[in-house]
Amino acid sequence: MYAIVRAGGRQYRVQQGDTIYIDSLSAAVGDTVRLGEVLLLAGGDGGAKVGNPLLSAAAVVGTVVEEGRDKKIRVFKYKKRKGYRRTRGHRSSYTAVRIDSIES
């Protein structure tokens, strides 16, 4: 069984045992997290269930495994023949969540 969940403005296809990296959550390592915005459930015995837009009774439960920061992204702006150059950097914080169960 797998589910499509929305977390941090992105959609993830998850199943039990997967580890997903989502935008930083306010949860400590070892805490249980409940992702309630389930868009689709499929792969079980009964076909796919599609929300309109969400499935109200479904949820995905996971455990926070790690918190960290991605590698640095360099943003470089340049205009030829104008002498204009700007360099900025950015690092996003993430939370790694291991999916424990999918509740329907």
PDB file of N, CA and C in Angstrom:
ATOM      1  N   MET A   1       0.852  -1.177   0.000  1.00  0.00           N
ATOM      2  CA  MET A   1       0.000   0.000   0.000  1.00  0.00           C
ATOM      3  C   MET A   1       0.896   1.238   0.000  1.00  0.00           C
ATOM      4  N   TYR A   2       0.517   2.219  -0.793  1.00  0.00           N
ATOM      5  CA  TYR A   2       1.243   3.469  -0.812  1.00  0.00           C
ATOM      6  C   TYR A   2       0.269   4.637  -0.758  1.00  0.00           C
ATOM      7  N   ALA A   3       0.803   5.808  -0.457  1.00  0.00           N
ATOM      8  CA  ALA A   3      -0.013   7.008  -0.322  1.00  0.00           C
ATOM      9  C   ALA A   3       0.727   8.182  -0.952  1.00  0.00           C
ATOM     10  N   ILE A   4      -0.044   9.152  -1.409  1.00  0.00           N
ATOM     11  CA  ILE A   4       0.502  10.430  -1.854  1.00  0.00           C
ATOM     12  C   ILE A   4       0.143  11.443  -0.776  1.00  0.00           C
ATOM     13  N   VAL A   5       1.158  12.048  -0.154  1.00  0.00           N
ATOM     14  CA  VAL A   5       0.923  13.021   0.912  1.00  0.00           C
ATOM     15  C   VAL A   5       1.504  14.362   0.503  1.00  0.00           C
ATOM     16  N   ARG A   6       0.927  15.417   1.086  1.00  0.00           N
ATOM     17  CA  ARG A   6       1.424  16.773   0.849  1.00  0.00           C
ATOM     18  C   ARG A   6       2.040  17.278   2.145  1.00  0.00           C
ATOM     19  N   ALA A   7       3.300  17.703   2.053  1.00  0.00           N
ATOM     20  CA  ALA A   7       4.003  18.227   3.224  1.00  0.00           C
ATOM     21  C   ALA A   7       4.957  19.309   2.756  1.00  0.00           C
ATOM     22  N   GLY A   8       4.867  20.464   3.357  1.00  0.00           N
ATOM     23  CA  GLY A   8       5.762  21.550   3.015  1.00  0.00           C
ATOM     24  C   GLY A   8       5.602  22.071   1.605  1.00  0.00           C
ATOM     25  N   GLY A   9       4.387  21.977   1.053  1.00  0.00           N
ATOM     26  CA  GLY A   9       4.136  22.478  -0.285  1.00  0.00           C
ATOM     27  C   GLY A   9       4.533  21.526  -1.401  1.00  0.00           C
ATOM     28  N   ARG A  10       5.017  20.349  -1.055  1.00  0.00           N
ATOM     29  CA  ARG A  10       5.396  19.352  -2.056  1.00  0.00           C
ATOM     30  C   ARG A  10       4.602  18.078  -1.832  1.00  0.00           C
ATOM     31  N   GLN A  11       4.564  17.231  -2.847  1.00  0.00           N
ATOM     32  CA  GLN A  11       3.865  15.957  -2.747  1.00  0.00           C
ATOM     33  C   GLN A  11       4.872  14.821  -2.792  1.00  0.00           C
ATOM     34  N   TYR A  12       4.635  13.813  -1.954  1.00  0.00           N
ATOM     35  CA  TYR A  12       5.543  12.682  -1.840  1.00  0.00           C
ATOM     36  C   TYR A  12       4.753  11.389  -1.966  1.00  0.00           C
ATOM     37  N   ARG A  13       5.322  10.411  -2.677  1.00  0.00           N
ATOM     38  CA  ARG A  13       4.749   9.064  -2.747  1.00  0.00           C
ATOM     39  C   ARG A  13       5.473   8.249  -1.683  1.00  0.00           C
ATOM     40  N   VAL A  14       4.734   7.745  -0.694  1.00  0.00           N
ATOM     41  CA  VAL A  14       5.355   7.054   0.431  1.00  0.00           C
ATOM     42  C   VAL A  14       4.715   5.691   0.639  1.00  0.00           C
ATOM     43  N   GLN A  15       5.499   4.792   1.183  1.00  0.00           N
ATOM     44  CA  GLN A  15       4.984   3.523   1.665  1.00  0.00           C
ATOM     45  C   GLN A  15       5.732   3.173   2.937  1.00  0.00           C
ATOM     46  N   GLN A  16       5.264   2.170   3.635  1.00  0.00           N
ATOM     47  CA  GLN A  16       5.834   1.841   4.938  1.00  0.00           C
ATOM     48  C   GLN A  16       7.310   1.489   4.795  1.00  0.00           C
ATOM     49  N   GLY A  17       8.138   2.088   5.650  1.00  0.00           N
ATOM     50  CA  GLY A  17       9.568   1.848   5.639  1.00  0.00           C
ATOM     51  C   GLY A  17      10.382   2.886   4.883  1.00  0.00           C
ATOM     52  N   ASP A  18       9.742   3.739   4.087  1.00  0.00           N
ATOM     53  CA  ASP A  18      10.445   4.781   3.341  1.00  0.00           C
ATOM     54  C   ASP A  18      10.926   5.880   4.273  1.00  0.00           C
ATOM     55  N   THR A  19      11.974   6.581   3.859  1.00  0.00           N
ATOM     56  CA  THR A  19      12.438   7.773   4.549  1.00  0.00           C
ATOM     57  C   THR A  19      12.323   8.937   3.577  1.00  0.00           C
ATOM     58  N   ILE A  20      11.609   9.987   3.993  1.00  0.00           N
ATOM     59  CA  ILE A  20      11.446  11.159   3.138  1.00  0.00           C
ATOM     60  C   ILE A  20      12.100  12.357   3.809  1.00  0.00           C
ATOM     61  N   TYR A  21      12.581  13.269   2.986  1.00  0.00           N
ATOM     62  CA  TYR A  21      13.215  14.497   3.467  1.00  0.00           C
ATOM     63  C   TYR A  21      12.294  15.652   3.123  1.00  0.00           C
ATOM     64  N   ILE A  22      11.688  16.244   4.157  1.00  0.00           N
ATOM     65  CA  ILE A  22      10.733  17.325   3.962  1.00  0.00           C
ATOM     66  C   ILE A  22      11.275  18.600   4.594  1.00  0.00           C
ATOM     67  N   ASP A  23      10.621  19.723   4.293  1.00  0.00           N
ATOM     68  CA  ASP A  23      11.024  20.988   4.890  1.00  0.00           C
ATOM     69  C   ASP A  23      10.969  20.874   6.406  1.00  0.00           C
ATOM     70  N   SER A  24      11.793  21.648   7.062  1.00  0.00           N
ATOM     71  CA  SER A  24      11.991  21.551   8.494  1.00  0.00           C
ATOM     72  C   SER A  24      10.680  21.623   9.283  1.00  0.00           C
ATOM     73  N   LEU A  25      10.500  20.674  10.208  1.00  0.00           N
ATOM     74  CA  LEU A  25       9.346  20.628  11.099  1.00  0.00           C
ATOM     75  C   LEU A  25       9.789  21.003  12.509  1.00  0.00           C
ATOM     76  N   SER A  26       8.840  21.409  13.324  1.00  0.00           N
ATOM     77  CA  SER A  26       9.156  21.734  14.719  1.00  0.00           C
ATOM     78  C   SER A  26       8.963  20.487  15.578  1.00  0.00           C
ATOM     79  N   ALA A  27       9.760  19.462  15.306  1.00  0.00           N
ATOM     80  CA  ALA A  27       9.706  18.213  16.063  1.00  0.00           C
ATOM     81  C   ALA A  27      11.136  17.751  16.305  1.00  0.00           C
ATOM     82  N   ALA A  28      11.369  17.171  17.471  1.00  0.00           N
ATOM     83  CA  ALA A  28      12.704  16.702  17.820  1.00  0.00           C
ATOM     84  C   ALA A  28      12.931  15.302  17.262  1.00  0.00           C
ATOM     85  N   VAL A  29      14.181  14.903  17.219  1.00  0.00           N
ATOM     86  CA  VAL A  29      14.530  13.564  16.746  1.00  0.00           C
ATOM     87  C   VAL A  29      13.908  12.535  17.686  1.00  0.00           C
ATOM     88  N   GLY A  30      13.223  11.553  17.120  1.00  0.00           N
ATOM     89  CA  GLY A  30      12.549  10.526  17.909  1.00  0.00           C
ATOM     90  C   GLY A  30      11.069  10.771  18.100  1.00  0.00           C
ATOM     91  N   ASP A  31      10.596  11.985  17.804  1.00  0.00           N
ATOM     92  CA  ASP A  31       9.171  12.282  17.938  1.00  0.00           C
ATOM     93  C   ASP A  31       8.363  11.617  16.834  1.00  0.00           C
ATOM     94  N   THR A  32       7.091  11.376  17.124  1.00  0.00           N
ATOM     95  CA  THR A  32       6.164  10.828  16.140  1.00  0.00           C
ATOM     96  C   THR A  32       5.465  11.975  15.436  1.00  0.00           C
ATOM     97  N   VAL A  33       5.397  11.898  14.114  1.00  0.00           N
ATOM     98  CA  VAL A  33       4.799  12.938  13.289  1.00  0.00           C
ATOM     99  C   VAL A  33       3.623  12.331  12.534  1.00  0.00           C
ATOM    100  N   ARG A  34       2.531  13.077  12.473  1.00  0.00           N
ATOM    101  CA  ARG A  34       1.340  12.617  11.758  1.00  0.00           C
ATOM    102  C   ARG A  34       1.106  13.558  10.583  1.00  0.00           C
ATOM    103  N   LEU A  35       1.213  13.032   9.366  1.00  0.00           N
ATOM    104  CA  LEU A  35       0.972  13.795   8.149  1.00  0.00           C
ATOM    105  C   LEU A  35      -0.472  13.542   7.730  1.00  0.00           C
ATOM    106  N   GLY A  36      -1.321  14.552   7.895  1.00  0.00           N
ATOM    107  CA  GLY A  36      -2.751  14.372   7.682  1.00  0.00           C
ATOM    108  C   GLY A  36      -3.250  14.737   6.301  1.00  0.00           C
ATOM    109  N   GLU A  37      -2.422  15.383   5.489  1.00  0.00           N
ATOM    110  CA  GLU A  37      -2.866  15.795   4.160  1.00  0.00           C
ATOM    111  C   GLU A  37      -2.586  14.678   3.157  1.00  0.00           C
ATOM    112  N   VAL A  38      -3.454  13.672   3.151  1.00  0.00           N
ATOM    113  CA  VAL A  38      -3.313  12.524   2.248  1.00  0.00           C
ATOM    114  C   VAL A  38      -4.195  12.768   1.032  1.00  0.00           C
ATOM    115  N   LEU A  39      -3.594  12.721  -0.149  1.00  0.00           N
ATOM    116  CA  LEU A  39      -4.304  12.978  -1.395  1.00  0.00           C
ATOM    117  C   LEU A  39      -4.805  11.701  -2.053  1.00  0.00           C
ATOM    118  N   LEU A  40      -4.079  10.577  -1.869  1.00  0.00           N
ATOM    119  CA  LEU A  40      -4.427   9.336  -2.542  1.00  0.00           C
ATOM    120  C   LEU A  40      -3.927   8.157  -1.736  1.00  0.00           C
ATOM    121  N   LEU A  41      -4.725   7.092  -1.693  1.00  0.00           N
ATOM    122  CA  LEU A  41      -4.317   5.810  -1.127  1.00  0.00           C
ATOM    123  C   LEU A  41      -4.497   4.764  -2.211  1.00  0.00           C
ATOM    124  N   ALA A  42      -3.506   3.918  -2.409  1.00  0.00           N
ATOM    125  CA  ALA A  42      -3.611   2.899  -3.448  1.00  0.00           C
ATOM    126  C   ALA A  42      -2.761   1.699  -3.070  1.00  0.00           C
ATOM    127  N   GLY A  43      -2.976   0.624  -3.815  1.00  0.00           N
ATOM    128  CA  GLY A  43      -2.181  -0.572  -3.615  1.00  0.00           C
ATOM    129  C   GLY A  43      -2.768  -1.538  -2.623  1.00  0.00           C
ATOM    130  N   GLY A  44      -3.838  -1.197  -1.973  1.00  0.00           N
ATOM    131  CA  GLY A  44      -4.474  -2.102  -1.025  1.00  0.00           C
ATOM    132  C   GLY A  44      -5.532  -2.948  -1.717  1.00  0.00           C
ATOM    133  N   ASP A  45      -6.335  -3.622  -0.936  1.00  0.00           N
ATOM    134  CA  ASP A  45      -7.397  -4.474  -1.483  1.00  0.00           C
ATOM    135  C   ASP A  45      -8.668  -3.657  -1.654  1.00  0.00           C
ATOM    136  N   GLY A  46      -8.937  -3.014  -2.639  1.00  0.00           N
ATOM    137  CA  GLY A  46     -10.140  -2.209  -2.816  1.00  0.00           C
ATOM    138  C   GLY A  46      -9.895  -1.098  -3.809  1.00  0.00           C
ATOM    139  N   GLY A  47      -8.761  -1.147  -4.447  1.00  0.00           N
ATOM    140  CA  GLY A  47      -8.474  -0.127  -5.441  1.00  0.00           C
ATOM    141  C   GLY A  47      -7.961   1.149  -4.819  1.00  0.00           C
ATOM    142  N   ALA A  48      -7.897   2.163  -5.634  1.00  0.00           N
ATOM    143  CA  ALA A  48      -7.370   3.453  -5.196  1.00  0.00           C
ATOM    144  C   ALA A  48      -8.477   4.323  -4.633  1.00  0.00           C
ATOM    145  N   LYS A  49      -8.153   5.080  -3.602  1.00  0.00           N
ATOM    146  CA  LYS A  49      -9.061   6.071  -3.037  1.00  0.00           C
ATOM    147  C   LYS A  49      -8.451   7.439  -3.303  1.00  0.00           C
ATOM    148  N   VAL A  50      -9.196   8.281  -3.995  1.00  0.00           N
ATOM    149  CA  VAL A  50      -8.712   9.598  -4.361  1.00  0.00           C
ATOM    150  C   VAL A  50      -9.506  10.633  -3.595  1.00  0.00           C
ATOM    151  N   GLY A  51      -8.810  11.584  -2.979  1.00  0.00           N
ATOM    152  CA  GLY A  51      -9.476  12.621  -2.209  1.00  0.00           C
ATOM    153  C   GLY A  51      -9.979  13.745  -3.092  1.00  0.00           C
ATOM    154  N   ASN A  52     -10.833  14.548  -2.501  1.00  0.00           N
ATOM    155  CA  ASN A  52     -11.407  15.677  -3.244  1.00  0.00           C
ATOM    156  C   ASN A  52     -11.358  16.927  -2.374  1.00  0.00           C
ATOM    157  N   PRO A  53     -10.286  17.592  -2.115  1.00  0.00           N
ATOM    158  CA  PRO A  53      -8.911  17.287  -2.513  1.00  0.00           C
ATOM    159  C   PRO A  53      -8.178  16.349  -1.558  1.00  0.00           C
ATOM    160  N   LEU A  54      -8.678  16.163  -0.318  1.00  0.00           N
ATOM    161  CA  LEU A  54      -7.987  15.328   0.668  1.00  0.00           C
ATOM    162  C   LEU A  54      -8.869  14.188   1.119  1.00  0.00           C
ATOM    163  N   LEU A  55      -8.242  13.129   1.608  1.00  0.00           N
ATOM    164  CA  LEU A  55      -8.959  12.045   2.258  1.00  0.00           C
ATOM    165  C   LEU A  55      -9.011  12.368   3.747  1.00  0.00           C
ATOM    166  N   SER A  56     -10.209  12.548   4.271  1.00  0.00           N
ATOM    167  CA  SER A  56     -10.340  13.030   5.648  1.00  0.00           C
ATOM    168  C   SER A  56      -9.981  11.977   6.692  1.00  0.00           C
ATOM    169  N   ALA A  57     -10.227  10.713   6.412  1.00  0.00           N
ATOM    170  CA  ALA A  57      -9.999   9.679   7.419  1.00  0.00           C
ATOM    171  C   ALA A  57      -8.587   9.098   7.371  1.00  0.00           C
ATOM    172  N   ALA A  58      -7.812   9.442   6.371  1.00  0.00           N
ATOM    173  CA  ALA A  58      -6.491   8.840   6.198  1.00  0.00           C
ATOM    174  C   ALA A  58      -5.400   9.714   6.809  1.00  0.00           C
ATOM    175  N   ALA A  59      -4.331   9.059   7.227  1.00  0.00           N
ATOM    176  CA  ALA A  59      -3.166   9.757   7.767  1.00  0.00           C
ATOM    177  C   ALA A  59      -1.936   8.880   7.598  1.00  0.00           C
ATOM    178  N   VAL A  60      -0.794   9.507   7.566  1.00  0.00           N
ATOM    179  CA  VAL A  60       0.485   8.801   7.487  1.00  0.00           C
ATOM    180  C   VAL A  60       1.253   9.130   8.756  1.00  0.00           C
ATOM    181  N   VAL A  61       1.719   8.101   9.456  1.00  0.00           N
ATOM    182  CA  VAL A  61       2.417   8.276  10.724  1.00  0.00           C
ATOM    183  C   VAL A  61       3.889   7.916  10.518  1.00  0.00           C
ATOM    184  N   GLY A  62       4.762   8.786  11.013  1.00  0.00           N
ATOM    185  CA  GLY A  62       6.194   8.547  10.869  1.00  0.00           C
ATOM    186  C   GLY A  62       6.963   9.004  12.086  1.00  0.00           C
ATOM    187  N   THR A  63       8.244   8.677  12.108  1.00  0.00           N
ATOM    188  CA  THR A  63       9.139   9.049  13.196  1.00  0.00           C
ATOM    189  C   THR A  63      10.255   9.925  12.637  1.00  0.00           C
ATOM    190  N   VAL A  64      10.563  10.999  13.350  1.00  0.00           N
ATOM    191  CA  VAL A  64      11.644  11.887  12.933  1.00  0.00           C
ATOM    192  C   VAL A  64      12.965  11.184  13.194  1.00  0.00           C
ATOM    193  N   VAL A  65      13.750  11.016  12.135  1.00  0.00           N
ATOM    194  CA  VAL A  65      15.016  10.301  12.216  1.00  0.00           C
ATOM    195  C   VAL A  65      16.189  11.264  12.349  1.00  0.00           C
ATOM    196  N   GLU A  66      16.112  12.392  11.626  1.00  0.00           N
ATOM    197  CA  GLU A  66      17.264  13.285  11.554  1.00  0.00           C
ATOM    198  C   GLU A  66      16.792  14.688  11.204  1.00  0.00           C
ATOM    199  N   GLU A  67      17.540  15.671  11.655  1.00  0.00           N
ATOM    200  CA  GLU A  67      17.353  17.050  11.220  1.00  0.00           C
ATOM    201  C   GLU A  67      18.690  17.541  10.716  1.00  0.00           C
ATOM    202  N   GLY A  68      18.668  18.276   9.615  1.00  0.00           N
ATOM    203  CA  GLY A  68      19.930  18.737   9.063  1.00  0.00           C
ATOM    204  C   GLY A  68      19.721  19.834   8.050  1.00  0.00           C
ATOM    205  N   ARG A  69      20.796  20.101   7.302  1.00  0.00           N
ATOM    206  CA  ARG A  69      20.745  21.127   6.262  1.00  0.00           C
ATOM    207  C   ARG A  69      21.309  20.552   4.982  1.00  0.00           C
ATOM    208  N   ASP A  70      20.688  20.919   3.860  1.00  0.00           N
ATOM    209  CA  ASP A  70      21.152  20.477   2.554  1.00  0.00           C
ATOM    210  C   ASP A  70      22.468  21.139   2.203  1.00  0.00           C
ATOM    211  N   LYS A  71      23.060  20.686   1.106  1.00  0.00           N
ATOM    212  CA  LYS A  71      24.279  21.337   0.654  1.00  0.00           C
ATOM    213  C   LYS A  71      23.955  22.707   0.085  1.00  0.00           C
ATOM    214  N   LYS A  72      24.942  23.553   0.020  1.00  0.00           N
ATOM    215  CA  LYS A  72      24.743  24.938  -0.364  1.00  0.00           C
ATOM    216  C   LYS A  72      24.424  25.053  -1.853  1.00  0.00           C
ATOM    217  N   ILE A  73      23.466  25.905  -2.147  1.00  0.00           N
ATOM    218  CA  ILE A  73      23.106  26.225  -3.522  1.00  0.00           C
ATOM    219  C   ILE A  73      23.636  27.624  -3.810  1.00  0.00           C
ATOM    220  N   ARG A  74      24.376  27.761  -4.879  1.00  0.00           N
ATOM    221  CA  ARG A  74      24.931  29.054  -5.257  1.00  0.00           C
ATOM    222  C   ARG A  74      24.056  29.687  -6.327  1.00  0.00           C
ATOM    223  N   VAL A  75      23.603  30.909  -6.061  1.00  0.00           N
ATOM    224  CA  VAL A  75      22.775  31.659  -7.005  1.00  0.00           C
ATOM    225  C   VAL A  75      23.638  32.773  -7.568  1.00  0.00           C
ATOM    226  N   PHE A  76      23.827  32.782  -8.882  1.00  0.00           N
ATOM    227  CA  PHE A  76      24.705  33.742  -9.528  1.00  0.00           C
ATOM    228  C   PHE A  76      23.921  34.491 -10.595  1.00  0.00           C
ATOM    229  N   LYS A  77      23.859  35.809 -10.468  1.00  0.00           N
ATOM    230  CA  LYS A  77      23.197  36.649 -11.457  1.00  0.00           C
ATOM    231  C   LYS A  77      24.274  37.383 -12.252  1.00  0.00           C
ATOM    232  N   TYR A  78      24.060  37.509 -13.550  1.00  0.00           N
ATOM    233  CA  TYR A  78      25.084  38.079 -14.417  1.00  0.00           C
ATOM    234  C   TYR A  78      24.423  38.737 -15.616  1.00  0.00           C
ATOM    235  N   LYS A  79      24.875  39.916 -15.960  1.00  0.00           N
ATOM    236  CA  LYS A  79      24.419  40.580 -17.185  1.00  0.00           C
ATOM    237  C   LYS A  79      25.660  40.925 -18.005  1.00  0.00           C
ATOM    238  N   LYS A  80      25.686  40.400 -19.187  1.00  0.00           N
ATOM    239  CA  LYS A  80      26.885  40.590 -20.016  1.00  0.00           C
ATOM    240  C   LYS A  80      27.056  42.055 -20.410  1.00  0.00           C
ATOM    241  N   ARG A  81      28.294  42.447 -20.480  1.00  0.00           N
ATOM    242  CA  ARG A  81      28.727  43.784 -20.914  1.00  0.00           C
ATOM    243  C   ARG A  81      28.253  44.908 -19.992  1.00  0.00           C
ATOM    244  N   LYS A  82      27.711  44.632 -18.847  1.00  0.00           N
ATOM    245  CA  LYS A  82      27.211  45.678 -17.938  1.00  0.00           C
ATOM    246  C   LYS A  82      27.985  45.741 -16.625  1.00  0.00           C
ATOM    247  N   GLY A  83      28.840  44.778 -16.382  1.00  0.00           N
ATOM    248  CA  GLY A  83      29.592  44.760 -15.136  1.00  0.00           C
ATOM    249  C   GLY A  83      28.746  44.388 -13.927  1.00  0.00           C
ATOM    250  N   TYR A  84      27.628  43.706 -14.156  1.00  0.00           N
ATOM    251  CA  TYR A  84      26.717  43.345 -13.078  1.00  0.00           C
ATOM    252  C   TYR A  84      26.903  41.874 -12.730  1.00  0.00           C
ATOM    253  N   ARG A  85      27.312  41.614 -11.486  1.00  0.00           N
ATOM    254  CA  ARG A  85      27.462  40.249 -10.988  1.00  0.00           C
ATOM    255  C   ARG A  85      27.045  40.213  -9.533  1.00  0.00           C
ATOM    256  N   ARG A  86      26.222  39.254  -9.183  1.00  0.00           N
ATOM    257  CA  ARG A  86      25.788  39.077  -7.800  1.00  0.00           C
ATOM    258  C   ARG A  86      25.830  37.587  -7.475  1.00  0.00           C
ATOM    259  N   THR A  87      26.404  37.246  -6.357  1.00  0.00           N
ATOM    260  CA  THR A  87      26.458  35.863  -5.910  1.00  0.00           C
ATOM    261  C   THR A  87      25.826  35.778  -4.529  1.00  0.00           C
ATOM    262  N   ARG A  88      24.911  34.840  -4.381  1.00  0.00           N
ATOM    263  CA  ARG A  88      24.286  34.579  -3.085  1.00  0.00           C
ATOM    264  C   ARG A  88      24.254  33.085  -2.864  1.00  0.00           C
ATOM    265  N   GLY A  89      24.186  32.698  -1.623  1.00  0.00           N
ATOM    266  CA  GLY A  89      24.115  31.286  -1.289  1.00  0.00           C
ATOM    267  C   GLY A  89      22.871  30.991  -0.479  1.00  0.00           C
ATOM    268  N   HIS A  90      22.494  29.716  -0.447  1.00  0.00           N
ATOM    269  CA  HIS A  90      21.289  29.321   0.273  1.00  0.00           C
ATOM    270  C   HIS A  90      21.420  27.862   0.706  1.00  0.00           C
ATOM    271  N   ARG A  91      21.046  27.584   1.965  1.00  0.00           N
ATOM    272  CA  ARG A  91      20.985  26.213   2.465  1.00  0.00           C
ATOM    273  C   ARG A  91      19.630  25.999   3.112  1.00  0.00           C
ATOM    274  N   SER A  92      18.909  25.002   2.666  1.00  0.00           N
ATOM    275  CA  SER A  92      17.593  24.688   3.226  1.00  0.00           C
ATOM    276  C   SER A  92      17.732  23.709   4.378  1.00  0.00           C
ATOM    277  N   SER A  93      16.921  23.901   5.407  1.00  0.00           N
ATOM    278  CA  SER A  93      16.862  22.951   6.507  1.00  0.00           C
ATOM    279  C   SER A  93      15.857  21.869   6.166  1.00  0.00           C
ATOM    280  N   TYR A  94      16.141  20.629   6.595  1.00  0.00           N
ATOM    281  CA  TYR A  94      15.222  19.527   6.312  1.00  0.00           C
ATOM    282  C   TYR A  94      15.025  18.678   7.554  1.00  0.00           C
ATOM    283  N   THR A  95      13.962  17.894   7.521  1.00  0.00           N
ATOM    284  CA  THR A  95      13.677  16.900   8.541  1.00  0.00           C
ATOM    285  C   THR A  95      13.489  15.567   7.840  1.00  0.00           C
ATOM    286  N   ALA A  96      14.233  14.553   8.248  1.00  0.00           N
ATOM    287  CA  ALA A  96      14.097  13.212   7.686  1.00  0.00           C
ATOM    288  C   ALA A  96      13.071  12.451   8.515  1.00  0.00           C
ATOM    289  N   VAL A  97      12.035  11.920   7.838  1.00  0.00           N
ATOM    290  CA  VAL A  97      10.948  11.211   8.510  1.00  0.00           C
ATOM    291  C   VAL A  97      10.865   9.795   7.945  1.00  0.00           C
ATOM    292  N   ARG A  98      10.926   8.791   8.840  1.00  0.00           N
ATOM    293  CA  ARG A  98      10.743   7.397   8.438  1.00  0.00           C
ATOM    294  C   ARG A  98       9.262   7.049   8.587  1.00  0.00           C
ATOM    295  N   ILE A  99       8.650   6.533   7.541  1.00  0.00           N
ATOM    296  CA  ILE A  99       7.230   6.227   7.532  1.00  0.00           C
ATOM    297  C   ILE A  99       7.000   4.909   8.260  1.00  0.00           C
ATOM    298  N   ASP A 100       6.195   4.964   9.327  1.00  0.00           N
ATOM    299  CA  ASP A 100       5.913   3.777  10.127  1.00  0.00           C
ATOM    300  C   ASP A 100       4.640   3.070   9.678  1.00  0.00           C
ATOM    301  N   SER A 101       3.591   3.834   9.409  1.00  0.00           N
ATOM    302  CA  SER A 101       2.324   3.213   9.009  1.00  0.00           C
ATOM    303  C   SER A 101       1.481   4.187   8.210  1.00  0.00           C
ATOM    304  N   ILE A 102       0.555   3.608   7.443  1.00  0.00           N
ATOM    305  CA  ILE A 102      -0.423   4.378   6.678  1.00  0.00           C
ATOM    306  C   ILE A 102      -1.795   3.971   7.196  1.00  0.00           C
ATOM    307  N   GLU A 103      -2.498   4.929   7.770  1.00  0.00           N
ATOM    308  CA  GLU A 103      -3.831   4.659   8.337  1.00  0.00           C
ATOM    309  C   GLU A 103      -4.896   5.107   7.355  1.00  0.00           C
ATOM    310  N   SER A 104      -5.872   4.239   7.127  1.00  0.00           N
ATOM    311  CA  SER A 104      -6.928   4.613   6.202  1.00  0.00           C
ATOM    312  C   SER A 104      -8.282   4.657   6.890  1.00  0.00           C
TER     313      SER A 104
END
